[in-house]
Amino acid sequence: MKRREFAKLTGLGVVAISTTGFISFNGKDYVGDCETTSDILGPFYRPDSPVRNNLVIEGMPGAIVELSGKIRHQDCSTPHKKAKVELWHCSNNEVYDNDSEEFRYRGTTYADDQGNYKFLTQMPVPYDAGGGEIRPAHFHIMISAPGYQSLITQIYFEGDEYLDDDPSTISPRAEKRILKIDRSKEVHRIRFDCNMNDKLKPSQDALKSIVGKYRNINTGEINEFFAREGELWIKNEVFGKVFSYTGKNSFEYGGLPENMYERLNFSLKADGTVLLEKRSFYGEGREVVKNYIRV
């Protein structure tokens, strides 16, 4: 397919003009300053989970917990009606359901007219992520609404013994997402409120101009990119992970700890060739730069 020249891709020239973020609830009142805070999507996201807010599996171990909150617009006060909220997490035996038709511990709900959402599920547990790394227990959440950047985050729980060793939770950005569990009743309760972000997304035409398969010029490694709900994704063994648009043909994998990053920069040539430079740094060693060409 013939591609437009870079200069004509005005959909990739949009600059973010404002930011907003999350508010936490301390059990008595709302606290926070609309600071944007996100986390890694992780490798276990699956789209199209069933519309349901009760994820409890009868006979499975794990304390029953109610996760609830309010979704607001970027002004941090106006409730957002009908925002889409997706929740997923591992089971008590440290397993994510990546392929079954049951979508265990995965569900989708929508905020009501007052912006409220609620899930009933069972507490996840810490798990071995490999290489001696134990991840603290956490929920994954993705919140989507028309005209807004999808909010992708993880929430953690006070008292988890692995919080001090996890790269994602030792970051100051995670402080407001380490939440207290109210265990005063048989059903535990966790409150998580958040605000949508009106950072502009690239146009559909712009995304269409860069999606596809890319071959590493040196190794032959193939990366495949695709568009979903106005976002750029890279395919992985489960589904994919999402990159946020940062301007000037560049995207970044959001929510990595401070001083770590994965960045993409696309270069569109007049003859239809699309080049990709991928830069990664994980806090140790040197920055890794890989160059790809779309095939």
C-alpha atoms as a PDB file:
ATOM      1  CA  MET A   1       0.000   0.000   0.000  1.00  0.00           C
ATOM      2  CA  LYS A   2       1.261   3.402  -0.917  1.00  0.00           C
ATOM      3  CA  ARG A   3       1.986   5.586   2.143  1.00  0.00           C
ATOM      4  CA  ARG A   4       1.654   9.330   2.560  1.00  0.00           C
ATOM      5  CA  GLU A   5       4.690  11.443   2.967  1.00  0.00           C
ATOM      6  CA  PHE A   6       5.667  12.373   6.499  1.00  0.00           C
ATOM      7  CA  ALA A   7       4.855  16.051   5.966  1.00  0.00           C
ATOM      8  CA  LYS A   8       1.244  15.191   5.189  1.00  0.00           C
ATOM      9  CA  LEU A   9       0.672  13.160   8.354  1.00  0.00           C
ATOM     10  CA  THR A  10      -0.764  16.000  10.390  1.00  0.00           C
ATOM     11  CA  GLY A  11      -2.474  13.453  12.628  1.00  0.00           C
ATOM     12  CA  LEU A  12       0.939  12.711  14.138  1.00  0.00           C
ATOM     13  CA  GLY A  13       1.710  16.350  14.787  1.00  0.00           C
ATOM     14  CA  VAL A  14      -0.670  16.841  17.704  1.00  0.00           C
ATOM     15  CA  VAL A  15       0.815  18.139  20.964  1.00  0.00           C
ATOM     16  CA  ALA A  16      -0.671  17.307  24.365  1.00  0.00           C
ATOM     17  CA  ILE A  17      -2.065  20.453  25.944  1.00  0.00           C
ATOM     18  CA  SER A  18      -3.020  19.300  29.425  1.00  0.00           C
ATOM     19  CA  THR A  19      -2.656  16.475  31.895  1.00  0.00           C
ATOM     20  CA  THR A  20      -4.598  15.115  34.809  1.00  0.00           C
ATOM     21  CA  GLY A  21      -4.487  11.968  36.858  1.00  0.00           C
ATOM     22  CA  PHE A  22      -5.589  10.101  39.955  1.00  0.00           C
ATOM     23  CA  ILE A  23      -7.113  10.939  43.288  1.00  0.00           C
ATOM     24  CA  SER A  24      -6.981   8.483  46.189  1.00  0.00           C
ATOM     25  CA  PHE A  25      -9.451   7.975  49.019  1.00  0.00           C
ATOM     26  CA  ASN A  26      -8.008   7.710  52.519  1.00  0.00           C
ATOM     27  CA  GLY A  27     -11.124   6.349  54.172  1.00  0.00           C
ATOM     28  CA  LYS A  28     -12.536   9.746  55.109  1.00  0.00           C
ATOM     29  CA  ASP A  29     -12.047  12.093  52.193  1.00  0.00           C
ATOM     30  CA  TYR A  30     -10.466  12.518  48.782  1.00  0.00           C
ATOM     31  CA  VAL A  31      -6.796  13.417  48.619  1.00  0.00           C
ATOM     32  CA  GLY A  32      -4.518  14.176  45.701  1.00  0.00           C
ATOM     33  CA  ASP A  33      -3.647  16.885  43.246  1.00  0.00           C
ATOM     34  CA  CYS A  34      -4.666  15.451  39.879  1.00  0.00           C
ATOM     35  CA  GLU A  35      -1.147  14.156  39.327  1.00  0.00           C
ATOM     36  CA  THR A  36      -0.952  11.829  36.346  1.00  0.00           C
ATOM     37  CA  THR A  37       0.170   8.381  37.399  1.00  0.00           C
ATOM     38  CA  SER A  38       0.087   5.194  35.396  1.00  0.00           C
ATOM     39  CA  ASP A  39       1.764   1.814  35.392  1.00  0.00           C
ATOM     40  CA  ILE A  40       2.794  -0.868  32.958  1.00  0.00           C
ATOM     41  CA  LEU A  41       0.073  -2.699  31.085  1.00  0.00           C
ATOM     42  CA  GLY A  42       1.955  -5.951  31.606  1.00  0.00           C
ATOM     43  CA  PRO A  43       2.012  -8.887  29.218  1.00  0.00           C
ATOM     44  CA  PHE A  44      -1.306 -10.447  30.282  1.00  0.00           C
ATOM     45  CA  TYR A  45      -3.938  -8.080  28.924  1.00  0.00           C
ATOM     46  CA  ARG A  46      -6.776  -9.693  26.946  1.00  0.00           C
ATOM     47  CA  PRO A  47      -9.355  -7.571  25.142  1.00  0.00           C
ATOM     48  CA  ASP A  48     -13.094  -8.149  25.107  1.00  0.00           C
ATOM     49  CA  SER A  49     -13.492  -9.583  28.590  1.00  0.00           C
ATOM     50  CA  PRO A  50     -17.159 -10.259  29.498  1.00  0.00           C
ATOM     51  CA  VAL A  51     -19.304  -7.375  30.713  1.00  0.00           C
ATOM     52  CA  ARG A  52     -19.726  -8.322  34.370  1.00  0.00           C
ATOM     53  CA  ASN A  53     -18.670  -6.951  37.716  1.00  0.00           C
ATOM     54  CA  ASN A  54     -18.744 -10.148  39.757  1.00  0.00           C
ATOM     55  CA  LEU A  55     -15.523 -12.080  39.120  1.00  0.00           C
ATOM     56  CA  VAL A  56     -15.718 -14.375  42.163  1.00  0.00           C
ATOM     57  CA  ILE A  57     -15.121 -18.037  41.317  1.00  0.00           C
ATOM     58  CA  GLU A  58     -16.928 -20.415  43.649  1.00  0.00           C
ATOM     59  CA  GLY A  59     -14.612 -22.895  45.351  1.00  0.00           C
ATOM     60  CA  MET A  60     -11.460 -20.894  44.655  1.00  0.00           C
ATOM     61  CA  PRO A  61      -9.425 -19.618  47.622  1.00  0.00           C
ATOM     62  CA  GLY A  62      -8.936 -15.914  48.251  1.00  0.00           C
ATOM     63  CA  ALA A  63     -10.627 -13.255  50.350  1.00  0.00           C
ATOM     64  CA  ILE A  64     -13.659 -11.634  48.743  1.00  0.00           C
ATOM     65  CA  VAL A  65     -13.028  -7.964  48.007  1.00  0.00           C
ATOM     66  CA  GLU A  66     -15.117  -5.117  46.619  1.00  0.00           C
ATOM     67  CA  LEU A  67     -13.191  -2.695  44.438  1.00  0.00           C
ATOM     68  CA  SER A  68     -15.125   0.496  43.803  1.00  0.00           C
ATOM     69  CA  GLY A  69     -14.529   4.083  42.843  1.00  0.00           C
ATOM     70  CA  LYS A  70     -15.555   7.093  40.816  1.00  0.00           C
ATOM     71  CA  ILE A  71     -14.391   8.141  37.345  1.00  0.00           C
ATOM     72  CA  ARG A  72     -14.151  11.886  36.718  1.00  0.00           C
ATOM     73  CA  HIS A  73     -13.408  14.196  33.821  1.00  0.00           C
ATOM     74  CA  GLN A  74     -10.114  16.080  33.605  1.00  0.00           C
ATOM     75  CA  ASP A  75     -11.438  18.764  35.957  1.00  0.00           C
ATOM     76  CA  CYS A  76     -11.159  16.219  38.784  1.00  0.00           C
ATOM     77  CA  SER A  77     -14.737  16.875  39.896  1.00  0.00           C
ATOM     78  CA  THR A  78     -17.316  16.193  37.165  1.00  0.00           C
ATOM     79  CA  PRO A  79     -18.399  12.513  37.139  1.00  0.00           C
ATOM     80  CA  HIS A  80     -17.794  10.688  33.873  1.00  0.00           C
ATOM     81  CA  LYS A  81     -20.816   8.727  32.705  1.00  0.00           C
ATOM     82  CA  LYS A  82     -20.368   5.339  31.049  1.00  0.00           C
ATOM     83  CA  ALA A  83     -16.571   5.176  31.126  1.00  0.00           C
ATOM     84  CA  LYS A  84     -15.404   1.650  30.336  1.00  0.00           C
ATOM     85  CA  VAL A  85     -13.504  -0.039  33.172  1.00  0.00           C
ATOM     86  CA  GLU A  86     -11.590  -3.283  32.608  1.00  0.00           C
ATOM     87  CA  LEU A  87     -10.162  -5.289  35.520  1.00  0.00           C
ATOM     88  CA  TRP A  88      -7.877  -8.318  35.467  1.00  0.00           C
ATOM     89  CA  HIS A  89      -5.588 -10.058  37.932  1.00  0.00           C
ATOM     90  CA  CYS A  90      -3.961 -13.372  38.764  1.00  0.00           C
ATOM     91  CA  SER A  91      -5.588 -16.163  40.749  1.00  0.00           C
ATOM     92  CA  ASN A  92      -4.679 -17.330  44.241  1.00  0.00           C
ATOM     93  CA  ASN A  93      -2.322 -19.848  42.627  1.00  0.00           C
ATOM     94  CA  GLU A  94      -0.409 -17.071  40.783  1.00  0.00           C
ATOM     95  CA  VAL A  95      -1.908 -17.768  37.347  1.00  0.00           C
ATOM     96  CA  TYR A  96      -3.418 -15.381  34.791  1.00  0.00           C
ATOM     97  CA  ASP A  97      -6.108 -16.826  32.547  1.00  0.00           C
ATOM     98  CA  ASN A  98      -4.596 -16.010  29.171  1.00  0.00           C
ATOM     99  CA  ASP A  99      -6.601 -18.268  26.888  1.00  0.00           C
ATOM    100  CA  SER A 100      -9.729 -19.872  28.355  1.00  0.00           C
ATOM    101  CA  GLU A 101     -13.244 -18.953  27.282  1.00  0.00           C
ATOM    102  CA  GLU A 102     -14.138 -18.305  30.934  1.00  0.00           C
ATOM    103  CA  PHE A 103     -11.889 -15.202  31.178  1.00  0.00           C
ATOM    104  CA  ARG A 104     -11.277 -16.036  34.836  1.00  0.00           C
ATOM    105  CA  TYR A 105     -10.645 -12.944  36.996  1.00  0.00           C
ATOM    106  CA  ARG A 106     -11.249 -10.702  33.995  1.00  0.00           C
ATOM    107  CA  GLY A 107     -14.223  -8.446  33.514  1.00  0.00           C
ATOM    108  CA  THR A 108     -15.548  -5.207  32.062  1.00  0.00           C
ATOM    109  CA  THR A 109     -18.031  -2.783  33.561  1.00  0.00           C
ATOM    110  CA  TYR A 110     -19.230   0.775  32.849  1.00  0.00           C
ATOM    111  CA  ALA A 111     -19.503   3.721  35.199  1.00  0.00           C
ATOM    112  CA  ASP A 112     -23.049   4.801  36.059  1.00  0.00           C
ATOM    113  CA  ASP A 113     -24.470   8.307  35.641  1.00  0.00           C
ATOM    114  CA  GLN A 114     -22.608   9.445  38.766  1.00  0.00           C
ATOM    115  CA  GLY A 115     -19.317   8.006  37.523  1.00  0.00           C
ATOM    116  CA  ASN A 116     -19.358   5.110  39.978  1.00  0.00           C
ATOM    117  CA  TYR A 117     -18.069   1.630  39.187  1.00  0.00           C
ATOM    118  CA  LYS A 118     -17.764  -1.543  41.257  1.00  0.00           C
ATOM    119  CA  PHE A 119     -16.258  -5.013  41.007  1.00  0.00           C
ATOM    120  CA  LEU A 120     -16.562  -7.982  43.354  1.00  0.00           C
ATOM    121  CA  THR A 121     -13.632 -10.360  43.092  1.00  0.00           C
ATOM    122  CA  GLN A 122     -11.046 -12.317  45.105  1.00  0.00           C
ATOM    123  CA  MET A 123      -7.739 -10.943  46.301  1.00  0.00           C
ATOM    124  CA  PRO A 124      -4.758 -11.642  44.032  1.00  0.00           C
ATOM    125  CA  VAL A 125      -1.447 -12.777  45.506  1.00  0.00           C
ATOM    126  CA  PRO A 126       2.224 -11.941  44.878  1.00  0.00           C
ATOM    127  CA  TYR A 127       3.788 -14.092  42.171  1.00  0.00           C
ATOM    128  CA  ASP A 128       7.160 -15.109  40.796  1.00  0.00           C
ATOM    129  CA  ALA A 129       7.817 -13.064  37.654  1.00  0.00           C
ATOM    130  CA  GLY A 130      11.005 -15.002  36.899  1.00  0.00           C
ATOM    131  CA  GLY A 131      14.658 -14.322  37.552  1.00  0.00           C
ATOM    132  CA  GLY A 132      14.082 -14.117  41.278  1.00  0.00           C
ATOM    133  CA  GLU A 133      11.663 -11.182  40.974  1.00  0.00           C
ATOM    134  CA  ILE A 134       8.523 -11.450  43.100  1.00  0.00           C
ATOM    135  CA  ARG A 135       5.817  -9.017  42.115  1.00  0.00           C
ATOM    136  CA  PRO A 136       3.564  -7.695  44.884  1.00  0.00           C
ATOM    137  CA  ALA A 137      -0.135  -8.498  44.635  1.00  0.00           C
ATOM    138  CA  HIS A 138      -1.964  -6.069  42.352  1.00  0.00           C
ATOM    139  CA  PHE A 139      -4.987  -5.327  40.219  1.00  0.00           C
ATOM    140  CA  HIS A 140      -4.659  -4.243  36.597  1.00  0.00           C
ATOM    141  CA  ILE A 141      -7.127  -1.597  35.447  1.00  0.00           C
ATOM    142  CA  MET A 142      -7.760   0.038  32.084  1.00  0.00           C
ATOM    143  CA  ILE A 143     -10.269   2.890  31.866  1.00  0.00           C
ATOM    144  CA  SER A 144     -11.412   4.122  28.454  1.00  0.00           C
ATOM    145  CA  ALA A 145     -13.771   6.868  27.335  1.00  0.00           C
ATOM    146  CA  PRO A 146     -14.332   8.646  24.007  1.00  0.00           C
ATOM    147  CA  GLY A 147     -12.030  11.624  23.524  1.00  0.00           C
ATOM    148  CA  TYR A 148      -9.647  10.651  26.303  1.00  0.00           C
ATOM    149  CA  GLN A 149      -6.351   8.835  26.593  1.00  0.00           C
ATOM    150  CA  SER A 150      -6.966   5.369  28.025  1.00  0.00           C
ATOM    151  CA  LEU A 151      -5.772   5.167  31.621  1.00  0.00           C
ATOM    152  CA  ILE A 152      -3.719   2.040  32.229  1.00  0.00           C
ATOM    153  CA  THR A 153      -2.593   1.358  35.739  1.00  0.00           C
ATOM    154  CA  GLN A 154      -1.976  -1.120  38.531  1.00  0.00           C
ATOM    155  CA  ILE A 155      -3.034  -0.731  42.142  1.00  0.00           C
ATOM    156  CA  TYR A 156      -1.207  -2.303  45.061  1.00  0.00           C
ATOM    157  CA  PHE A 157      -2.008  -2.925  48.698  1.00  0.00           C
ATOM    158  CA  GLU A 158      -0.559  -1.611  51.928  1.00  0.00           C
ATOM    159  CA  GLY A 159       1.378  -4.156  53.954  1.00  0.00           C
ATOM    160  CA  ASP A 160       2.542  -6.300  51.023  1.00  0.00           C
ATOM    161  CA  GLU A 161       6.024  -7.560  51.923  1.00  0.00           C
ATOM    162  CA  TYR A 162       7.260  -7.205  48.345  1.00  0.00           C
ATOM    163  CA  LEU A 163       6.450  -3.515  47.846  1.00  0.00           C
ATOM    164  CA  ASP A 164       9.939  -2.336  48.796  1.00  0.00           C
ATOM    165  CA  ASP A 165      11.658  -4.504  46.191  1.00  0.00           C
ATOM    166  CA  ASP A 166       9.462  -4.002  43.137  1.00  0.00           C
ATOM    167  CA  PRO A 167      10.662  -1.437  40.554  1.00  0.00           C
ATOM    168  CA  SER A 168       7.113  -0.281  39.893  1.00  0.00           C
ATOM    169  CA  THR A 169       6.136   0.279  43.519  1.00  0.00           C
ATOM    170  CA  ILE A 170       9.289   1.931  44.823  1.00  0.00           C
ATOM    171  CA  SER A 171       8.799   4.745  42.327  1.00  0.00           C
ATOM    172  CA  PRO A 172       7.264   7.924  43.807  1.00  0.00           C
ATOM    173  CA  ARG A 173       4.725   7.741  40.982  1.00  0.00           C
ATOM    174  CA  ALA A 174       3.151   4.679  42.641  1.00  0.00           C
ATOM    175  CA  GLU A 175       2.633   6.203  46.072  1.00  0.00           C
ATOM    176  CA  LYS A 176      -1.033   7.099  45.570  1.00  0.00           C
ATOM    177  CA  ARG A 177      -1.759   3.678  44.107  1.00  0.00           C
ATOM    178  CA  ILE A 178      -0.687   1.677  47.163  1.00  0.00           C
ATOM    179  CA  LEU A 179      -4.078   1.455  48.839  1.00  0.00           C
ATOM    180  CA  LYS A 180      -5.417   0.508  52.209  1.00  0.00           C
ATOM    181  CA  ILE A 181      -7.691  -2.536  52.430  1.00  0.00           C
ATOM    182  CA  ASP A 182     -10.691  -2.144  54.718  1.00  0.00           C
ATOM    183  CA  ARG A 183     -10.979  -5.531  56.417  1.00  0.00           C
ATOM    184  CA  SER A 184     -13.621  -4.491  58.961  1.00  0.00           C
ATOM    185  CA  LYS A 185     -16.314  -6.568  57.260  1.00  0.00           C
ATOM    186  CA  GLU A 186     -16.465 -10.047  55.763  1.00  0.00           C
ATOM    187  CA  VAL A 187     -16.187  -8.557  52.272  1.00  0.00           C
ATOM    188  CA  HIS A 188     -13.019  -6.461  52.172  1.00  0.00           C
ATOM    189  CA  ARG A 189     -13.213  -3.050  50.525  1.00  0.00           C
ATOM    190  CA  ILE A 190     -10.799  -1.039  48.397  1.00  0.00           C
ATOM    191  CA  ARG A 191     -11.536   2.418  46.993  1.00  0.00           C
ATOM    192  CA  PHE A 192      -9.863   3.715  43.851  1.00  0.00           C
ATOM    193  CA  ASP A 193     -10.982   6.942  42.141  1.00  0.00           C
ATOM    194  CA  CYS A 194      -9.398   8.388  39.030  1.00  0.00           C
ATOM    195  CA  ASN A 195      -9.647  11.178  36.487  1.00  0.00           C
ATOM    196  CA  MET A 196      -9.515  10.931  32.737  1.00  0.00           C
ATOM    197  CA  ASN A 197      -6.713  12.479  30.715  1.00  0.00           C
ATOM    198  CA  ASP A 198      -7.527  14.589  27.675  1.00  0.00           C
ATOM    199  CA  LYS A 199      -4.160  14.102  26.014  1.00  0.00           C
ATOM    200  CA  LEU A 200      -4.853  13.974  22.300  1.00  0.00           C
ATOM    201  CA  LYS A 201      -4.359  10.809  20.317  1.00  0.00           C
ATOM    202  CA  PRO A 202      -3.029  10.426  16.769  1.00  0.00           C
ATOM    203  CA  SER A 203      -5.655  10.195  14.075  1.00  0.00           C
ATOM    204  CA  GLN A 204      -6.790   6.843  12.721  1.00  0.00           C
ATOM    205  CA  ASP A 205      -5.181   7.698   9.381  1.00  0.00           C
ATOM    206  CA  ALA A 206      -1.882   8.341  11.109  1.00  0.00           C
ATOM    207  CA  LEU A 207      -1.991   5.024  12.956  1.00  0.00           C
ATOM    208  CA  LYS A 208      -2.843   3.204   9.741  1.00  0.00           C
ATOM    209  CA  SER A 209       0.299   4.672   8.213  1.00  0.00           C
ATOM    210  CA  ILE A 210       2.622   3.019  10.748  1.00  0.00           C
ATOM    211  CA  VAL A 211       0.996  -0.275  11.776  1.00  0.00           C
ATOM    212  CA  GLY A 212       2.279  -3.547  10.371  1.00  0.00           C
ATOM    213  CA  LYS A 213       5.257  -5.883  10.709  1.00  0.00           C
ATOM    214  CA  TYR A 214       8.774  -4.523  11.191  1.00  0.00           C
ATOM    215  CA  ARG A 215      12.012  -6.458  10.695  1.00  0.00           C
ATOM    216  CA  ASN A 216      15.116  -5.709  12.746  1.00  0.00           C
ATOM    217  CA  ILE A 217      17.721  -4.604  10.223  1.00  0.00           C
ATOM    218  CA  ASN A 218      20.530  -6.467  12.018  1.00  0.00           C
ATOM    219  CA  THR A 219      18.908  -9.580  13.517  1.00  0.00           C
ATOM    220  CA  GLY A 220      15.801 -10.199  11.432  1.00  0.00           C
ATOM    221  CA  GLU A 221      13.601 -10.102  14.543  1.00  0.00           C
ATOM    222  CA  ILE A 222       9.967  -9.269  13.702  1.00  0.00           C
ATOM    223  CA  ASN A 223       7.807  -6.860  15.705  1.00  0.00           C
ATOM    224  CA  GLU A 224       4.159  -6.419  14.747  1.00  0.00           C
ATOM    225  CA  PHE A 225       2.244  -3.229  15.548  1.00  0.00           C
ATOM    226  CA  PHE A 226      -1.522  -2.746  15.346  1.00  0.00           C
ATOM    227  CA  ALA A 227      -4.103  -0.107  16.242  1.00  0.00           C
ATOM    228  CA  ARG A 228      -6.887  -0.559  18.771  1.00  0.00           C
ATOM    229  CA  GLU A 229      -9.287   2.124  20.034  1.00  0.00           C
ATOM    230  CA  GLY A 230      -6.995   4.925  18.928  1.00  0.00           C
ATOM    231  CA  GLU A 231      -3.853   3.473  20.518  1.00  0.00           C
ATOM    232  CA  LEU A 232      -0.712   1.878  19.096  1.00  0.00           C
ATOM    233  CA  TRP A 233      -0.018  -1.665  20.295  1.00  0.00           C
ATOM    234  CA  ILE A 234       2.817  -4.146  19.804  1.00  0.00           C
ATOM    235  CA  LYS A 235       1.746  -7.760  19.574  1.00  0.00           C
ATOM    236  CA  ASN A 236       2.982 -10.260  22.159  1.00  0.00           C
ATOM    237  CA  GLU A 237       2.233 -13.868  23.065  1.00  0.00           C
ATOM    238  CA  VAL A 238      -1.017 -13.039  24.888  1.00  0.00           C
ATOM    239  CA  PHE A 239      -2.359  -9.974  23.086  1.00  0.00           C
ATOM    240  CA  GLY A 240      -0.127  -6.946  23.190  1.00  0.00           C
ATOM    241  CA  LYS A 241       1.116  -3.916  25.087  1.00  0.00           C
ATOM    242  CA  VAL A 242       0.181  -0.325  24.395  1.00  0.00           C
ATOM    243  CA  PHE A 243       2.374   2.685  23.620  1.00  0.00           C
ATOM    244  CA  SER A 244       1.165   6.241  24.278  1.00  0.00           C
ATOM    245  CA  TYR A 245       1.657   8.979  21.733  1.00  0.00           C
ATOM    246  CA  THR A 246       4.145  11.662  22.827  1.00  0.00           C
ATOM    247  CA  GLY A 247       4.329  13.781  19.664  1.00  0.00           C
ATOM    248  CA  LYS A 248       6.523  14.092  16.591  1.00  0.00           C
ATOM    249  CA  ASN A 249       5.994  10.497  15.414  1.00  0.00           C
ATOM    250  CA  SER A 250       7.065   9.162  18.818  1.00  0.00           C
ATOM    251  CA  PHE A 251       5.431   6.807  21.285  1.00  0.00           C
ATOM    252  CA  GLU A 252       6.378   5.572  24.740  1.00  0.00           C
ATOM    253  CA  TYR A 253       5.478   2.553  26.856  1.00  0.00           C
ATOM    254  CA  GLY A 254       3.819   4.198  29.839  1.00  0.00           C
ATOM    255  CA  GLY A 255       4.259   3.604  33.532  1.00  0.00           C
ATOM    256  CA  LEU A 256       7.777   2.229  33.741  1.00  0.00           C
ATOM    257  CA  PRO A 257       9.704   3.265  36.861  1.00  0.00           C
ATOM    258  CA  GLU A 258      11.552   6.567  36.825  1.00  0.00           C
ATOM    259  CA  ASN A 259      14.653   6.582  34.586  1.00  0.00           C
ATOM    260  CA  MET A 260      13.444   3.544  32.643  1.00  0.00           C
ATOM    261  CA  TYR A 261      11.818   3.740  29.224  1.00  0.00           C
ATOM    262  CA  GLU A 262      10.837   2.081  25.960  1.00  0.00           C
ATOM    263  CA  ARG A 263      10.481   4.626  23.137  1.00  0.00           C
ATOM    264  CA  LEU A 264       9.524   4.334  19.503  1.00  0.00           C
ATOM    265  CA  ASN A 265      10.167   6.826  16.731  1.00  0.00           C
ATOM    266  CA  PHE A 266       8.775   6.258  13.250  1.00  0.00           C
ATOM    267  CA  SER A 267      10.220   7.846  10.126  1.00  0.00           C
ATOM    268  CA  LEU A 268       8.008   7.860   7.021  1.00  0.00           C
ATOM    269  CA  LYS A 269       9.779   8.279   3.710  1.00  0.00           C
ATOM    270  CA  ALA A 270       8.416   9.707   0.472  1.00  0.00           C
ATOM    271  CA  ASP A 271       8.761   6.339  -1.307  1.00  0.00           C
ATOM    272  CA  GLY A 272       6.472   4.632   1.242  1.00  0.00           C
ATOM    273  CA  THR A 273       9.252   3.119   3.348  1.00  0.00           C
ATOM    274  CA  VAL A 274       8.653   3.287   7.109  1.00  0.00           C
ATOM    275  CA  LEU A 275      11.601   3.047   9.492  1.00  0.00           C
ATOM    276  CA  LEU A 276      11.431   2.492  13.230  1.00  0.00           C
ATOM    277  CA  GLU A 277      14.011   3.323  15.886  1.00  0.00           C
ATOM    278  CA  LYS A 278      13.364   1.606  19.213  1.00  0.00           C
ATOM    279  CA  ARG A 279      15.240   2.876  22.291  1.00  0.00           C
ATOM    280  CA  SER A 280      15.107   1.053  25.627  1.00  0.00           C
ATOM    281  CA  PHE A 281      16.720   1.596  29.004  1.00  0.00           C
ATOM    282  CA  TYR A 282      15.901  -0.383  32.149  1.00  0.00           C
ATOM    283  CA  GLY A 283      18.024   1.345  34.742  1.00  0.00           C
ATOM    284  CA  GLU A 284      21.244  -0.614  34.297  1.00  0.00           C
ATOM    285  CA  GLY A 285      23.866  -0.763  31.574  1.00  0.00           C
ATOM    286  CA  ARG A 286      23.539   1.218  28.382  1.00  0.00           C
ATOM    287  CA  GLU A 287      20.624   2.355  26.336  1.00  0.00           C
ATOM    288  CA  VAL A 288      19.711  -0.256  23.719  1.00  0.00           C
ATOM    289  CA  VAL A 289      18.939   1.063  20.233  1.00  0.00           C
ATOM    290  CA  LYS A 290      17.361  -1.187  17.600  1.00  0.00           C
ATOM    291  CA  ASN A 291      16.453  -0.225  14.038  1.00  0.00           C
ATOM    292  CA  TYR A 292      13.614  -1.765  12.047  1.00  0.00           C
ATOM    293  CA  ILE A 293      12.031  -1.454   8.617  1.00  0.00           C
ATOM    294  CA  ARG A 294       8.422  -2.231   7.808  1.00  0.00           C
ATOM    295  CA  VAL A 295       8.001  -5.279   5.623  1.00  0.00           C
END
